[in-house]
Structure formats: C-alpha cells, structure tokens
Amino acid sequence: MDLLQDLQDHGVFVCAGARPTAEELSAARERRDAFYHRLIGEGDTMWARGHSFREISDLHRRAAIGLGVEREWAYVPMRLNDCPACGEKVKQGVAVCKHCGAILDAEKAAQHGLGLGAKNSAGQAAPGARAKSNSSASGQK
C-alpha cells in the first residue's frame, strides 16, 4: 500500500474500471493540486532562506507553473549558446551575434537582409549586404 500512496502523491492512480470516472478524475485533480500547493509552500520556504535558484527543483517549478502561480523562483531558464566567434552567450537560433556581429545562421541572416546571401524583393543582392558581412567578419560594427 505504501507504493500505491507514493504513486498517488506523484500523479499516478489506478481507476476501478477500464476508464476513470468523472469522480475519480476529480479526486485525482484535487490530490494533484494539494501536492502542488505543498510543493509551492516548500519552494517559498527554500526561497526565503537564501534566494538560491539551485535549491528549487524542477518539480517545484512545474507545480507553480501548473497552478498558474507566479513566483520569482519559478522562472524557466533560457538556454544560451556560445558564439563561436567571440565566445559570448547568445540565444539559440539567432542569425547574428549581438556582441560581435558574426553571422551564426547565414540563411536566416539573408532572409533579414544581412550577410552575403541577402537579397532584396527583386531577387538581387541587397545593396550593402556584402559590406555588412565583410564588416562583421573583420570585427567592425
């Protein structure tokens, strides 16, 4: 029975029939929400102790997000990549490094009028496209 209680606390339940009834689903949601509220309380306590994001687990964050409760500690960290040219952190999928101007995605940069492959609406190379690319390659802005 201890195993079943552990599973219920973490969102797993066994229904009586082949499909859960509305009452079983409602009871499961109530148990989940109570568990989430308990996790949010724990997260608040840990945050009050030292304002350390490392102490707050993903489970605590998911509980806050799942209930739509805003907490400073419930942020979702953004993944960043290192620019191969300058080593600074940049968002994933950016076309041009905001720090050094290096072209990180030539196709996307060309779509926005940047780099060697940039074309204007007539399908011709955009004026200054080569100059923008050359200046970013030499480290100028």
Protein backbone atom coordinates (compact mmCIF):
# COMPACT_ATOMS: atom_id res chain seq x y z
CA MET A 1 0.00 0.00 0.00
CA ASP A 2 2.94 2.39 0.59
CA LEU A 3 3.91 2.09 -3.07
CA LEU A 4 0.38 3.00 -4.17
CA GLN A 5 0.39 6.03 -1.85
CA ASP A 6 3.74 7.18 -3.30
CA LEU A 7 2.41 6.80 -6.83
CA GLN A 8 -0.76 8.73 -5.97
CA ASP A 9 1.28 11.56 -4.47
CA HIS A 10 3.21 11.86 -7.73
CA GLY A 11 0.23 11.78 -10.07
CA VAL A 12 -0.33 8.09 -10.80
CA PHE A 13 -3.64 6.49 -9.88
CA VAL A 14 -5.41 3.28 -10.70
CA CYS A 15 -9.06 3.51 -11.67
CA ALA A 16 -11.64 0.89 -10.75
CA GLY A 17 -12.79 0.24 -14.33
CA ALA A 18 -11.34 0.31 -17.82
CA ARG A 19 -11.71 4.12 -17.88
CA PRO A 20 -11.64 6.56 -14.97
CA THR A 21 -14.94 8.02 -13.87
CA ALA A 22 -15.53 11.76 -13.53
CA GLU A 23 -15.37 11.35 -9.75
CA GLU A 24 -12.02 9.54 -9.93
CA LEU A 25 -10.60 12.23 -12.20
CA SER A 26 -11.90 14.98 -9.92
CA ALA A 27 -10.37 13.30 -6.86
CA ALA A 28 -7.06 12.86 -8.72
CA ARG A 29 -7.02 16.57 -9.69
CA GLU A 30 -7.71 17.54 -6.08
CA ARG A 31 -4.82 15.34 -4.86
CA ARG A 32 -2.54 16.78 -7.56
CA ASP A 33 -3.46 20.35 -6.69
CA ALA A 34 -2.89 19.67 -2.96
CA PHE A 35 0.51 18.17 -3.82
CA TYR A 36 1.33 21.20 -5.99
CA HIS A 37 0.32 23.60 -3.21
CA ARG A 38 2.58 21.68 -0.80
CA LEU A 39 5.47 21.94 -3.28
CA ILE A 40 4.87 25.67 -3.76
CA GLY A 41 4.97 26.13 0.01
CA GLU A 42 8.27 24.24 0.15
CA GLY A 43 9.61 26.37 -2.70
CA ASP A 44 8.59 29.55 -0.89
CA THR A 45 10.35 28.35 2.28
CA MET A 46 13.55 27.44 0.43
CA TRP A 47 13.49 30.77 -1.43
CA ALA A 48 13.02 32.72 1.81
CA ARG A 49 16.07 31.03 3.32
CA GLY A 50 18.57 32.18 0.75
CA HIS A 51 17.13 33.24 -2.62
CA SER A 52 19.04 30.44 -4.33
CA PHE A 53 17.63 29.13 -7.61
CA ARG A 54 19.73 25.97 -7.20
CA GLU A 55 17.71 24.83 -4.19
CA ILE A 56 14.40 24.96 -6.08
CA SER A 57 13.79 21.74 -8.01
CA ASP A 58 12.10 21.40 -11.38
CA LEU A 59 9.24 19.66 -9.59
CA HIS A 60 8.66 22.81 -7.50
CA ARG A 61 8.79 24.97 -10.65
CA ARG A 62 6.36 22.69 -12.51
CA ALA A 63 3.94 22.86 -9.58
CA ALA A 64 3.91 26.67 -9.66
CA ILE A 65 3.58 26.76 -13.44
CA GLY A 66 0.90 24.03 -13.39
CA LEU A 67 -1.28 26.04 -11.00
CA GLY A 68 -0.51 29.33 -12.74
CA VAL A 69 1.10 30.72 -9.58
CA GLU A 70 3.76 33.34 -10.24
CA ARG A 71 6.83 33.10 -8.08
CA GLU A 72 10.23 34.70 -8.56
CA TRP A 73 11.85 31.28 -8.09
CA ALA A 74 9.61 29.59 -10.69
CA TYR A 75 11.38 31.02 -13.73
CA VAL A 76 12.24 28.77 -16.66
CA PRO A 77 15.89 29.36 -17.54
CA MET A 78 16.62 30.24 -21.17
CA ARG A 79 19.20 28.09 -22.88
CA LEU A 80 22.06 30.05 -24.38
CA ASN A 81 24.80 29.07 -26.80
CA ASP A 82 28.34 30.39 -27.03
CA CYS A 83 29.12 32.48 -30.10
CA PRO A 84 31.87 30.62 -31.97
CA ALA A 85 33.50 33.93 -32.95
CA CYS A 86 33.62 35.84 -29.65
CA GLY A 87 32.53 33.29 -27.04
CA GLU A 88 29.75 35.49 -25.60
CA LYS A 89 26.37 33.92 -24.70
CA VAL A 90 23.66 34.28 -27.36
CA LYS A 91 20.10 32.96 -27.64
CA GLN A 92 19.58 29.72 -29.55
CA GLY A 93 18.63 30.21 -33.20
CA VAL A 94 19.80 33.81 -33.63
CA ALA A 95 21.10 34.81 -37.05
CA VAL A 96 23.73 37.32 -35.92
CA CYS A 97 25.70 37.62 -32.68
CA LYS A 98 24.65 40.84 -30.91
CA HIS A 99 28.12 41.16 -29.38
CA CYS A 100 30.46 40.84 -32.34
CA GLY A 101 28.14 40.80 -35.38
CA ALA A 102 29.23 37.34 -36.55
CA ILE A 103 26.75 35.59 -38.87
CA LEU A 104 25.63 32.46 -36.98
CA ASP A 105 22.89 31.34 -39.39
CA ALA A 106 23.61 32.53 -42.96
CA GLU A 107 20.20 31.51 -44.33
CA LYS A 108 18.25 33.30 -41.61
CA ALA A 109 20.56 36.32 -41.85
CA ALA A 110 19.95 36.51 -45.61
CA GLN A 111 16.17 36.47 -45.04
CA HIS A 112 16.60 39.60 -42.93
CA GLY A 113 18.91 41.40 -45.34
CA LEU A 114 22.16 40.54 -43.59
CA GLY A 115 25.21 38.73 -44.92
CA LEU A 116 26.45 37.72 -48.37
CA GLY A 117 23.30 35.86 -49.39
CA ALA A 118 20.92 38.75 -48.67
CA LYS A 119 18.50 39.51 -51.50
CA ASN A 120 16.10 42.38 -51.99
CA SER A 121 12.47 41.99 -53.13
CA ALA A 122 13.60 41.87 -56.79
CA GLY A 123 15.80 38.86 -56.01
CA GLN A 124 19.03 40.81 -56.40
CA ALA A 125 21.76 41.04 -53.80
CA ALA A 126 20.79 43.74 -51.36
CA PRO A 127 22.95 46.86 -51.52
CA GLY A 128 25.39 46.83 -48.64
CA ALA A 129 24.76 43.15 -47.89
CA ARG A 130 28.35 42.32 -48.80
CA ALA A 131 29.60 45.31 -46.81
CA LYS A 132 27.63 44.25 -43.72
CA SER A 133 29.03 40.76 -43.95
CA ASN A 134 32.59 41.96 -44.54
CA SER A 135 32.49 44.44 -41.68
CA SER A 136 31.18 41.81 -39.27
CA ALA A 137 33.87 39.38 -40.35
CA SER A 138 36.55 41.93 -39.60
CA GLY A 139 35.07 42.65 -36.17
CA GLN A 140 33.62 46.06 -37.06
CA LYS A 141 30.01 47.02 -36.33
